[in-house]
Amino acid sequence: MRWRAAASKGSWILRSVPVFWKIMSIGAIVVLLFGCVTFLLVRSAMMRVHYSMLHDESRSIATSLATSCARPLLTGEILTIKQRIDDAVRTTPAIRYVIVRDTEGDVLAHTFERNVPEDLSRPLVMPSAEKAEVVVFDSPEGAVFACSAPILGGRAGTLDLGISDLDLRQETASLSELLAWGLILCASVGTLLALMLAWLLTGPIRQLVEASRRVEMGDFDARARIHSSDEIGRLSLAFNRMGESLLGYRAQVEEKERARLAIIERIVDLQEEERRAISRELHDQIGQSLSALLLDVQSNGGAAAPEGKRRVETERAIVQLIENVRRLAWDMRPPVLDDHGLDSALSRYAKDMSRKAGVDIHYEYCRQIGMGRAPGRVEVTLYRVAQEAITNVVRHSGADRASIVVLHRTGEIVLIVEDNGRGFDVDAVLRDPSRALGLTGTRERMGLLGGRFSIESTPGQGTTVRVSIPLAGTEPCPSAS
């Protein structure tokens, strides 16, 4: 289980590392591994070759010295032997000692300043009669190749020679240093090439990611630069084609959205015109006819008692009918909205609803000094939003207090409707199309005017409706007289 967790963690780390650093890491690891292996193999091969050469060299020198010392040894010229082995040491600095022994093994001549060391008092290896033998042993100076060569086939004695590998090690160190510098140079070039490769590969990818981010933010004009015709270049080409397709789709969607908004705008205008016409018809025609009928009934005052009682009931019914018609006409389209503006219409609406529904509705209109009336469409929209919000307060919230606040200032007009009712779950309502018709209609009206709509509500904590409509570039209505 532990190795699985470690493998999963390692896999996550590899996935999260950027491609640039993956390429650089792989290049560095390959260069380092190749350099180290090459260095070790070359150094090992070089050491084997040098040690083999040193082995042969020690045998060759010992054999040559044994041959040159044969005649002096037979004639007993010990000084000549001493001179020849000293000359050999001077000409070959790698020779650490030379010892000439007689057939009994006694030392006749040597190259040491004083006596022969105790560990060399006896031959380290016994040569055969035909050839010299070599053995390697360690010393404070390093490895020593000790060679014992027979003199005249061993009949005159033996010659022991020791050659140190100090010079070899120095030469090997020098060559290793040169090899190391060469590997460093190769590693630097390899790292530079890996850097160039990583940059060439990740540069287009970074540009592609940046173009994708711009497309995500809505900039469908973003395009990725095509640097080559390889897989990344083909990917960039496919991305650019996708951007062109998205741009075309967005143009189609915007065209459809403009058509939809135009239809909605036309529907809203027709609804308001129809309401205005019905309101005028109710107020001017039916209302005047009922008023005339009421005057006619009231003018017949000399009737008998039973008939007088029926006349009073008829008058009461006609008065109620006139009141209902006027209220219906007001709900359809209050004339004060067109004649005196939003402030007067909302003020009267708040008073009427407060009286009828038994809800304390506070109304306030804050207008910046010097501001006239808002455009007619803006006033109608805000009035309908306030009407919808207060109707929901009365029908569904169970609130006993509510407020309507209008902030009319330079650049925008804001409507805020609050209540202290039971509140509701906004998300749940928005997910139910049958319950979200009012909110959807309000949002559509805001979209026609470029406004913003928000509703905040929490169960048990009331509801706040806020809309704001920009006034920049609109033509305001004249101020009410």
Protein backbone atom coordinates (compact mmCIF):
# COMPACT_ATOMS: atom_id res chain seq x y z
CA MET A 1 0.00 0.00 0.00
CA ARG A 2 2.87 2.37 0.78
CA TRP A 3 4.52 1.92 -2.59
CA ARG A 4 1.16 2.50 -4.28
CA ALA A 5 0.69 5.74 -2.34
CA ALA A 6 4.24 6.81 -3.18
CA ALA A 7 3.69 5.95 -6.87
CA SER A 8 0.41 7.87 -6.90
CA LYS A 9 2.08 10.88 -5.29
CA GLY A 10 4.98 10.71 -7.74
CA SER A 11 2.57 10.47 -10.67
CA TRP A 12 0.67 13.53 -9.39
CA ILE A 13 3.93 15.48 -9.09
CA LEU A 14 4.89 14.55 -12.65
CA ARG A 15 1.48 15.61 -13.95
CA SER A 16 1.61 18.95 -12.14
CA VAL A 17 5.12 19.92 -13.31
CA PRO A 18 5.11 22.23 -16.37
CA VAL A 19 6.22 20.74 -19.70
CA PHE A 20 9.17 23.16 -19.85
CA TRP A 21 10.67 21.80 -16.64
CA LYS A 22 9.88 18.20 -17.62
CA ILE A 23 11.93 18.60 -20.81
CA MET A 24 14.73 20.39 -18.95
CA SER A 25 14.78 17.73 -16.23
CA ILE A 26 14.85 14.86 -18.71
CA GLY A 27 17.62 16.56 -20.70
CA ALA A 28 19.67 17.25 -17.58
CA ILE A 29 19.23 13.71 -16.26
CA VAL A 30 20.19 12.17 -19.61
CA VAL A 31 23.24 14.42 -19.98
CA LEU A 32 24.35 13.82 -16.39
CA LEU A 33 23.82 10.06 -16.58
CA PHE A 34 25.54 9.76 -19.95
CA GLY A 35 28.43 11.95 -18.79
CA CYS A 36 28.98 10.02 -15.56
CA VAL A 37 28.78 6.62 -17.25
CA THR A 38 31.10 7.76 -20.04
CA PHE A 39 33.57 9.24 -17.55
CA LEU A 40 33.66 6.09 -15.45
CA LEU A 41 33.96 3.75 -18.43
CA VAL A 42 36.71 5.79 -20.11
CA ARG A 43 38.63 6.20 -16.85
CA SER A 44 38.33 2.50 -16.09
CA ALA A 45 39.48 1.51 -19.58
CA MET A 46 42.33 4.00 -19.38
CA MET A 47 43.46 2.62 -16.01
CA ARG A 48 43.36 -0.96 -17.30
CA VAL A 49 45.44 -0.04 -20.33
CA HIS A 50 47.97 1.90 -18.27
CA TYR A 51 48.32 -0.82 -15.65
CA SER A 52 48.82 -3.39 -18.36
CA MET A 53 51.52 -1.19 -19.91
CA LEU A 54 53.12 -0.67 -16.49
CA HIS A 55 53.09 -4.43 -15.90
CA ASP A 56 54.87 -5.04 -19.22
CA GLU A 57 57.24 -2.11 -18.63
CA SER A 58 58.36 -3.45 -15.24
CA ARG A 59 59.09 -6.87 -16.75
CA SER A 60 60.92 -5.34 -19.71
CA ILE A 61 63.11 -3.08 -17.55
CA ALA A 62 63.89 -5.89 -15.06
CA THR A 63 64.84 -8.27 -17.87
CA SER A 64 67.04 -5.65 -19.55
CA LEU A 65 68.80 -4.79 -16.28
CA ALA A 66 69.31 -8.48 -15.49
CA THR A 67 70.97 -8.98 -18.86
CA SER A 68 73.22 -5.90 -18.44
CA CYS A 69 74.29 -7.04 -14.94
CA ALA A 70 75.12 -10.64 -15.93
CA ARG A 71 78.77 -10.12 -17.02
CA PRO A 72 79.77 -7.82 -14.09
CA LEU A 73 78.13 -10.30 -11.73
CA LEU A 74 80.20 -13.19 -13.12
CA THR A 75 83.45 -11.18 -12.88
CA GLY A 76 82.54 -9.84 -9.42
CA GLU A 77 82.40 -6.18 -10.49
CA ILE A 78 79.91 -5.06 -7.87
CA LEU A 79 80.61 -1.34 -8.42
CA THR A 80 79.72 -1.71 -12.08
CA ILE A 81 76.44 -3.36 -11.11
CA LYS A 82 75.78 -0.56 -8.63
CA GLN A 83 76.47 2.07 -11.28
CA ARG A 84 74.21 0.44 -13.82
CA ILE A 85 71.22 0.10 -11.50
CA ASP A 86 71.71 3.72 -10.32
CA ASP A 87 71.76 4.85 -13.95
CA ALA A 88 68.51 2.94 -14.53
CA VAL A 89 66.85 4.72 -11.58
CA ARG A 90 67.98 8.12 -12.88
CA THR A 91 66.72 7.48 -16.39
CA THR A 92 63.40 5.96 -15.23
CA PRO A 93 61.99 7.99 -12.29
CA ALA A 94 59.14 5.50 -11.83
CA ILE A 95 61.66 2.89 -10.49
CA ARG A 96 61.47 2.90 -6.72
CA TYR A 97 64.17 0.29 -6.03
CA VAL A 98 66.48 -2.27 -7.63
CA ILE A 99 68.00 -5.17 -5.69
CA VAL A 100 70.58 -7.60 -7.09
CA ARG A 101 70.89 -10.94 -5.29
CA ASP A 102 73.23 -13.89 -5.71
CA THR A 103 72.11 -17.45 -6.08
CA GLU A 104 71.86 -17.77 -2.32
CA GLY A 105 69.52 -14.79 -2.07
CA ASP A 106 72.04 -12.49 -0.45
CA VAL A 107 71.91 -8.83 -1.51
CA LEU A 108 74.88 -7.77 -3.61
CA ALA A 109 73.71 -4.26 -4.67
CA HIS A 110 70.66 -2.04 -4.22
CA THR A 111 69.46 1.52 -4.75
CA PHE A 112 68.40 2.32 -1.19
CA GLU A 113 70.33 4.99 0.70
CA ARG A 114 70.95 2.69 3.63
CA ASN A 115 69.90 -0.89 4.12
CA VAL A 116 67.24 -2.84 2.28
CA PRO A 117 63.89 -2.66 4.08
CA GLU A 118 63.02 -5.74 6.02
CA ASP A 119 59.94 -6.49 3.93
CA LEU A 120 62.19 -6.58 0.83
CA SER A 121 65.01 -8.62 2.38
CA ARG A 122 63.55 -11.69 0.73
CA PRO A 123 62.25 -11.83 -2.86
CA LEU A 124 58.49 -11.16 -3.15
CA VAL A 125 58.21 -13.57 -6.03
CA MET A 126 60.51 -16.29 -7.30
CA PRO A 127 61.21 -16.02 -11.03
CA SER A 128 61.35 -18.99 -13.31
CA ALA A 129 64.43 -19.77 -15.24
CA GLU A 130 62.89 -18.55 -18.48
CA LYS A 131 61.15 -15.24 -17.65
CA ALA A 132 60.61 -12.58 -15.04
CA GLU A 133 57.59 -12.66 -12.72
CA VAL A 134 55.57 -9.63 -11.60
CA VAL A 135 53.54 -9.09 -8.44
CA VAL A 136 51.68 -5.96 -7.28
CA PHE A 137 51.57 -4.75 -3.68
CA ASP A 138 50.42 -1.60 -1.92
CA SER A 139 52.77 0.95 -0.40
CA PRO A 140 52.42 4.42 1.15
CA GLU A 141 53.11 5.85 -2.30
CA GLY A 142 50.50 3.69 -3.98
CA ALA A 143 50.65 0.44 -5.93
CA VAL A 144 54.14 -0.97 -6.68
CA PHE A 145 54.79 -3.46 -9.50
CA ALA A 146 57.49 -5.76 -8.12
CA CYS A 147 59.30 -7.79 -10.79
CA SER A 148 61.92 -10.49 -10.16
CA ALA A 149 64.04 -11.39 -13.22
CA PRO A 150 66.59 -14.26 -13.39
CA ILE A 151 70.20 -13.46 -14.24
CA LEU A 152 71.59 -15.99 -16.70
CA GLY A 153 68.59 -18.22 -16.13
CA GLY A 154 68.98 -17.94 -12.37
CA ARG A 155 72.50 -19.43 -12.39
CA ALA A 156 74.11 -16.07 -11.50
CA GLY A 157 71.40 -14.71 -9.26
CA THR A 158 68.22 -12.57 -9.52
CA LEU A 159 67.31 -8.92 -9.96
CA ASP A 160 64.31 -7.44 -8.09
CA LEU A 161 62.82 -4.21 -9.43
CA GLY A 162 59.91 -2.14 -8.14
CA ILE A 163 58.05 0.45 -10.25
CA SER A 164 55.50 2.79 -8.61
CA ASP A 165 52.23 3.84 -10.29
CA LEU A 166 52.58 7.40 -8.94
CA ASP A 167 53.39 8.85 -12.35
CA LEU A 168 50.61 6.78 -13.82
CA ARG A 169 48.14 8.09 -11.27
CA GLN A 170 49.22 11.67 -11.92
CA GLU A 171 48.84 11.17 -15.65
CA THR A 172 45.49 9.50 -15.09
CA ALA A 173 44.34 12.40 -12.88
CA SER A 174 45.41 14.88 -15.54
CA LEU A 175 43.57 12.97 -18.24
CA SER A 176 40.55 12.58 -15.98
CA GLU A 177 40.50 16.33 -15.42
CA LEU A 178 40.60 16.94 -19.16
CA LEU A 179 37.88 14.35 -19.62
CA ALA A 180 35.79 15.97 -16.89
CA TRP A 181 36.12 19.40 -18.51
CA GLY A 182 35.12 17.86 -21.83
CA LEU A 183 32.09 16.26 -20.24
CA ILE A 184 31.17 19.57 -18.56
CA LEU A 185 31.38 21.26 -21.95
CA CYS A 186 29.22 18.55 -23.52
CA ALA A 187 26.76 18.79 -20.62
CA SER A 188 26.56 22.56 -21.04
CA VAL A 189 25.93 22.22 -24.75
CA GLY A 190 23.36 19.50 -24.09
CA THR A 191 21.62 21.61 -21.46
CA LEU A 192 21.58 24.57 -23.84
CA LEU A 193 20.10 22.40 -26.58
CA ALA A 194 17.51 21.04 -24.11
CA LEU A 195 16.68 24.63 -23.12
CA MET A 196 16.25 25.60 -26.76
CA LEU A 197 14.10 22.53 -27.41
CA ALA A 198 11.96 23.20 -24.33
CA TRP A 199 11.54 26.84 -25.36
CA LEU A 200 10.62 25.88 -28.93
CA LEU A 201 8.07 23.35 -27.69
CA THR A 202 6.55 25.26 -24.79
CA GLY A 203 6.55 28.73 -26.39
CA PRO A 204 3.70 27.91 -28.82
CA ILE A 205 1.93 25.99 -26.04
CA ARG A 206 2.06 29.05 -23.76
CA GLN A 207 0.69 31.23 -26.54
CA LEU A 208 -2.03 28.66 -27.16
CA VAL A 209 -2.94 28.67 -23.45
CA GLU A 210 -3.06 32.49 -23.44
CA ALA A 211 -5.30 32.49 -26.50
CA SER A 212 -7.55 29.90 -24.80
CA ARG A 213 -7.77 32.10 -21.72
CA ARG A 214 -8.80 35.08 -23.86
CA VAL A 215 -11.46 32.98 -25.56
CA GLU A 216 -12.67 31.87 -22.12
CA MET A 217 -13.03 35.55 -21.17
CA GLY A 218 -15.18 36.12 -24.27
CA ASP A 219 -12.58 37.41 -26.73
CA PHE A 220 -13.36 35.17 -29.70
CA ASP A 221 -11.01 37.23 -31.89
CA ALA A 222 -8.01 35.71 -30.08
CA ARG A 223 -5.76 33.65 -32.34
CA ALA A 224 -2.69 31.50 -31.69
CA ARG A 225 0.46 32.14 -33.73
CA ILE A 226 1.49 29.24 -35.96
CA HIS A 227 5.25 28.76 -35.76
CA SER A 228 5.64 25.46 -37.57
CA SER A 229 3.77 22.73 -39.40
CA ASP A 230 4.38 20.03 -36.78
CA GLU A 231 1.80 18.65 -34.32
CA ILE A 232 1.78 21.85 -32.23
CA GLY A 233 1.38 23.94 -35.38
CA ARG A 234 -1.57 21.79 -36.47
CA LEU A 235 -3.06 22.11 -32.99
CA SER A 236 -2.76 25.92 -33.19
CA LEU A 237 -4.38 25.85 -36.64
CA ALA A 238 -7.28 23.75 -35.27
CA PHE A 239 -7.65 26.18 -32.36
CA ASN A 240 -7.80 29.16 -34.73
CA ARG A 241 -10.47 27.44 -36.80
CA MET A 242 -12.41 26.75 -33.62
CA GLY A 243 -12.13 30.46 -32.74
CA GLU A 244 -13.47 31.44 -36.13
CA SER A 245 -16.38 29.02 -35.69
CA LEU A 246 -17.12 30.38 -32.21
CA LEU A 247 -17.01 33.92 -33.60
CA GLY A 248 -19.54 32.96 -36.25
CA TYR A 249 -21.74 31.21 -33.69
CA ARG A 250 -21.59 34.24 -31.41
CA ALA A 251 -22.63 36.50 -34.26
CA GLN A 252 -25.60 34.22 -34.92
CA VAL A 253 -26.50 34.13 -31.23
CA GLU A 254 -26.23 37.93 -30.95
CA GLU A 255 -28.43 38.32 -33.99
CA LYS A 256 -31.00 35.97 -32.51
CA GLU A 257 -30.74 37.75 -29.15
CA ARG A 258 -31.31 41.13 -30.82
CA ALA A 259 -34.34 39.71 -32.61
CA ARG A 260 -35.65 38.22 -29.36
CA LEU A 261 -35.18 41.49 -27.46
CA ALA A 262 -36.84 43.39 -30.28
CA ILE A 263 -39.84 41.06 -30.09
CA ILE A 264 -39.99 41.34 -26.30
CA GLU A 265 -39.69 45.10 -26.52
CA ARG A 266 -42.48 45.22 -29.03
CA ILE A 267 -44.64 42.97 -26.85
CA VAL A 268 -44.03 45.16 -23.79
CA ASP A 269 -44.86 48.31 -25.77
CA LEU A 270 -48.04 46.71 -27.10
CA GLN A 271 -49.02 45.59 -23.60
CA GLU A 272 -48.54 49.10 -22.24
CA GLU A 273 -50.45 50.61 -25.16
CA GLU A 274 -53.25 48.13 -24.65
CA ARG A 275 -53.36 48.84 -20.93
CA ARG A 276 -53.39 52.56 -21.61
CA ALA A 277 -56.24 52.17 -24.11
CA ILE A 278 -58.26 49.92 -21.78
CA SER A 279 -57.63 52.28 -18.88
CA ARG A 280 -58.83 55.26 -20.87
CA GLU A 281 -61.85 53.29 -22.09
CA LEU A 282 -62.77 52.29 -18.54
CA HIS A 283 -62.18 55.77 -17.16
CA ASP A 284 -63.59 57.88 -19.95
CA GLN A 285 -66.40 55.81 -21.43
CA ILE A 286 -67.67 53.28 -18.87
CA GLY A 287 -66.89 55.51 -15.91
CA GLN A 288 -68.68 58.52 -17.44
CA SER A 289 -71.66 56.36 -18.45
CA LEU A 290 -72.00 55.02 -14.91
CA SER A 291 -71.66 58.51 -13.50
CA ALA A 292 -74.44 59.74 -15.82
CA LEU A 293 -76.62 56.78 -14.77
CA LEU A 294 -76.01 57.62 -11.11
CA LEU A 295 -77.06 61.26 -11.67
CA ASP A 296 -80.17 60.11 -13.49
CA VAL A 297 -81.12 57.80 -10.62
CA GLN A 298 -80.46 60.48 -8.04
CA SER A 299 -82.59 63.03 -9.92
CA ASN A 300 -85.71 60.87 -9.48
CA GLY A 301 -86.08 61.65 -5.78
CA GLY A 302 -89.91 61.85 -5.41
CA ALA A 303 -90.71 58.19 -5.54
CA ALA A 304 -92.61 56.14 -2.94
CA ALA A 305 -90.87 54.52 0.00
CA PRO A 306 -90.40 51.05 -1.46
CA GLU A 307 -89.20 52.52 -4.69
CA GLY A 308 -86.97 54.93 -2.73
CA LYS A 309 -85.34 52.01 -0.97
CA ARG A 310 -84.60 50.31 -4.29
CA ARG A 311 -83.21 53.58 -5.59
CA VAL A 312 -80.77 53.82 -2.66
CA GLU A 313 -79.60 50.25 -3.26
CA THR A 314 -79.21 51.00 -6.95
CA GLU A 315 -77.20 54.12 -6.16
CA ARG A 316 -74.96 52.16 -3.81
CA ALA A 317 -74.38 49.47 -6.43
CA ILE A 318 -73.60 52.06 -9.08
CA VAL A 319 -71.16 53.88 -6.75
CA GLN A 320 -69.38 50.58 -6.02
CA LEU A 321 -69.28 49.76 -9.71
CA ILE A 322 -67.77 53.17 -10.48
CA GLU A 323 -65.14 52.61 -7.78
CA ASN A 324 -64.27 49.18 -9.13
CA VAL A 325 -63.97 50.53 -12.67
CA ARG A 326 -61.70 53.35 -11.52
CA ARG A 327 -59.53 50.95 -9.50
CA LEU A 328 -59.30 48.60 -12.49
CA ALA A 329 -58.37 51.52 -14.72
CA TRP A 330 -55.70 52.60 -12.21
CA ASP A 331 -54.23 49.11 -12.01
CA MET A 332 -54.14 48.83 -15.77
CA ARG A 333 -52.34 52.15 -16.27
CA PRO A 334 -52.46 54.93 -13.66
CA PRO A 335 -52.95 58.25 -15.51
CA VAL A 336 -50.82 59.99 -12.88
CA LEU A 337 -47.81 58.01 -14.14
CA ASP A 338 -48.07 59.66 -17.55
CA ASP A 339 -49.16 63.05 -16.26
CA HIS A 340 -47.01 63.58 -13.14
CA GLY A 341 -44.31 60.90 -13.21
CA LEU A 342 -43.04 57.96 -11.22
CA ASP A 343 -42.84 59.73 -7.85
CA SER A 344 -46.53 60.62 -7.73
CA ALA A 345 -47.62 57.23 -9.10
CA LEU A 346 -45.59 55.18 -6.60
CA SER A 347 -46.59 57.44 -3.71
CA ARG A 348 -50.26 56.95 -4.40
CA TYR A 349 -49.79 53.24 -5.09
CA ALA A 350 -47.99 52.74 -1.76
CA LYS A 351 -50.77 54.52 0.14
CA ASP A 352 -53.55 52.55 -1.57
CA MET A 353 -51.85 49.17 -1.05
CA SER A 354 -51.03 50.02 2.55
CA ARG A 355 -54.67 50.86 3.21
CA LYS A 356 -56.12 47.86 1.38
CA ALA A 357 -53.64 45.16 2.48
CA GLY A 358 -52.96 46.35 6.02
CA VAL A 359 -49.22 46.47 5.43
CA ASP A 360 -47.18 49.44 6.61
CA ILE A 361 -45.46 50.54 3.37
CA HIS A 362 -42.84 53.25 3.69
CA TYR A 363 -42.17 55.18 0.48
CA GLU A 364 -39.27 57.53 -0.30
CA TYR A 365 -38.08 59.14 -3.53
CA CYS A 366 -34.60 60.67 -3.38
CA ARG A 367 -33.92 62.87 -6.38
CA GLN A 368 -30.61 64.59 -7.03
CA ILE A 369 -30.89 68.35 -7.30
CA GLY A 370 -31.46 69.47 -10.87
CA MET A 371 -32.73 66.09 -12.08
CA GLY A 372 -35.95 66.04 -14.08
CA ARG A 373 -38.14 63.07 -14.81
CA ALA A 374 -36.66 59.83 -16.06
CA PRO A 375 -37.52 58.60 -19.56
CA GLY A 376 -41.07 57.28 -19.93
CA ARG A 377 -40.02 53.68 -20.56
CA VAL A 378 -37.81 53.74 -17.48
CA GLU A 379 -40.64 55.09 -15.29
CA VAL A 380 -43.09 52.49 -16.57
CA THR A 381 -40.58 49.67 -16.01
CA LEU A 382 -39.78 50.75 -12.45
CA TYR A 383 -43.47 51.15 -11.66
CA ARG A 384 -44.20 47.61 -12.92
CA VAL A 385 -41.28 46.16 -10.95
CA ALA A 386 -42.47 47.89 -7.76
CA GLN A 387 -46.04 46.76 -8.45
CA GLU A 388 -44.91 43.13 -8.92
CA ALA A 389 -42.74 43.23 -5.79
CA ILE A 390 -45.45 44.73 -3.52
CA THR A 391 -48.02 42.28 -4.90
CA ASN A 392 -45.71 39.39 -3.91
CA VAL A 393 -45.21 40.98 -0.47
CA VAL A 394 -48.98 41.14 0.10
CA ARG A 395 -49.76 37.68 -1.29
CA HIS A 396 -46.87 35.52 -0.18
CA SER A 397 -44.50 37.10 2.35
CA GLY A 398 -46.74 37.54 5.39
CA ALA A 399 -44.90 40.80 6.12
CA ASP A 400 -46.35 43.66 8.16
CA ARG A 401 -43.78 46.22 6.99
CA ALA A 402 -42.30 47.03 3.62
CA SER A 403 -40.48 49.92 1.99
CA ILE A 404 -40.10 51.37 -1.49
CA VAL A 405 -37.05 53.55 -2.07
CA VAL A 406 -36.11 55.24 -5.36
CA LEU A 407 -32.66 56.81 -5.80
CA HIS A 408 -32.65 59.11 -8.83
CA ARG A 409 -29.13 60.39 -9.48
CA THR A 410 -26.86 61.27 -12.33
CA GLY A 411 -26.23 58.30 -14.57
CA GLU A 412 -28.70 55.84 -13.06
CA ILE A 413 -31.95 55.35 -11.19
CA VAL A 414 -32.25 52.66 -8.52
CA LEU A 415 -35.36 51.02 -7.06
CA ILE A 416 -35.17 49.07 -3.77
CA VAL A 417 -38.14 47.13 -2.33
CA GLU A 418 -37.71 45.45 1.06
CA ASP A 419 -40.00 43.58 3.46
CA ASN A 420 -39.72 41.78 6.80
CA GLY A 421 -41.64 38.71 5.68
CA ARG A 422 -40.84 35.03 5.84
CA GLY A 423 -38.47 35.09 2.86
CA PHE A 424 -37.81 32.17 0.51
CA ASP A 425 -35.09 30.13 -1.18
CA VAL A 426 -34.19 32.09 -4.30
CA ASP A 427 -32.33 29.23 -5.98
CA ALA A 428 -35.24 26.85 -5.49
CA VAL A 429 -37.66 29.34 -7.04
CA LEU A 430 -35.39 29.97 -10.02
CA ARG A 431 -35.19 26.22 -10.66
CA ASP A 432 -39.01 26.02 -10.86
CA PRO A 433 -40.16 27.71 -14.10
CA SER A 434 -43.77 27.91 -12.91
CA ARG A 435 -42.74 29.97 -9.85
CA ALA A 436 -40.08 32.09 -11.59
CA LEU A 437 -42.31 33.76 -14.19
CA GLY A 438 -42.34 37.09 -12.34
CA LEU A 439 -38.56 37.10 -11.85
CA THR A 440 -38.01 36.13 -15.48
CA GLY A 441 -40.29 38.91 -16.67
CA THR A 442 -38.46 41.44 -14.51
CA ARG A 443 -35.09 40.32 -15.85
CA GLU A 444 -36.36 40.61 -19.40
CA ARG A 445 -37.53 44.18 -18.76
CA MET A 446 -34.13 45.04 -17.27
CA GLY A 447 -32.38 43.53 -20.27
CA LEU A 448 -34.32 45.77 -22.64
CA LEU A 449 -33.03 48.86 -20.84
CA GLY A 450 -29.52 47.57 -20.02
CA GLY A 451 -30.33 47.49 -16.33
CA ARG A 452 -29.40 45.12 -13.49
CA PHE A 453 -31.75 43.10 -11.33
CA SER A 454 -30.99 41.24 -8.11
CA ILE A 455 -33.05 39.63 -5.40
CA GLU A 456 -31.79 38.63 -1.96
CA SER A 457 -33.87 36.50 0.36
CA THR A 458 -33.31 34.02 3.18
CA PRO A 459 -36.08 31.98 4.83
CA GLY A 460 -37.16 33.84 7.93
CA GLN A 461 -35.20 37.03 7.14
CA GLY A 462 -37.26 38.92 4.58
CA THR A 463 -36.60 39.83 0.96
CA THR A 464 -34.81 42.66 -0.86
CA VAL A 465 -35.38 43.45 -4.53
CA ARG A 466 -32.96 45.85 -6.19
CA VAL A 467 -32.96 47.12 -9.75
CA SER A 468 -30.84 49.81 -11.37
CA ILE A 469 -31.24 51.31 -14.83
CA PRO A 470 -28.56 53.47 -16.49
CA LEU A 471 -29.70 56.89 -17.68
CA ALA A 472 -26.65 57.77 -19.79
CA GLY A 473 -27.63 58.41 -23.40
CA THR A 474 -31.37 58.47 -22.68
CA GLU A 475 -33.62 61.38 -23.32
CA PRO A 476 -35.36 62.42 -20.06
CA CYS A 477 -38.97 63.47 -19.89
CA PRO A 478 -39.69 67.08 -19.02
CA SER A 479 -40.10 67.91 -15.32
CA ALA A 480 -43.57 67.76 -13.90
CA SER A 481 -45.14 71.13 -13.44
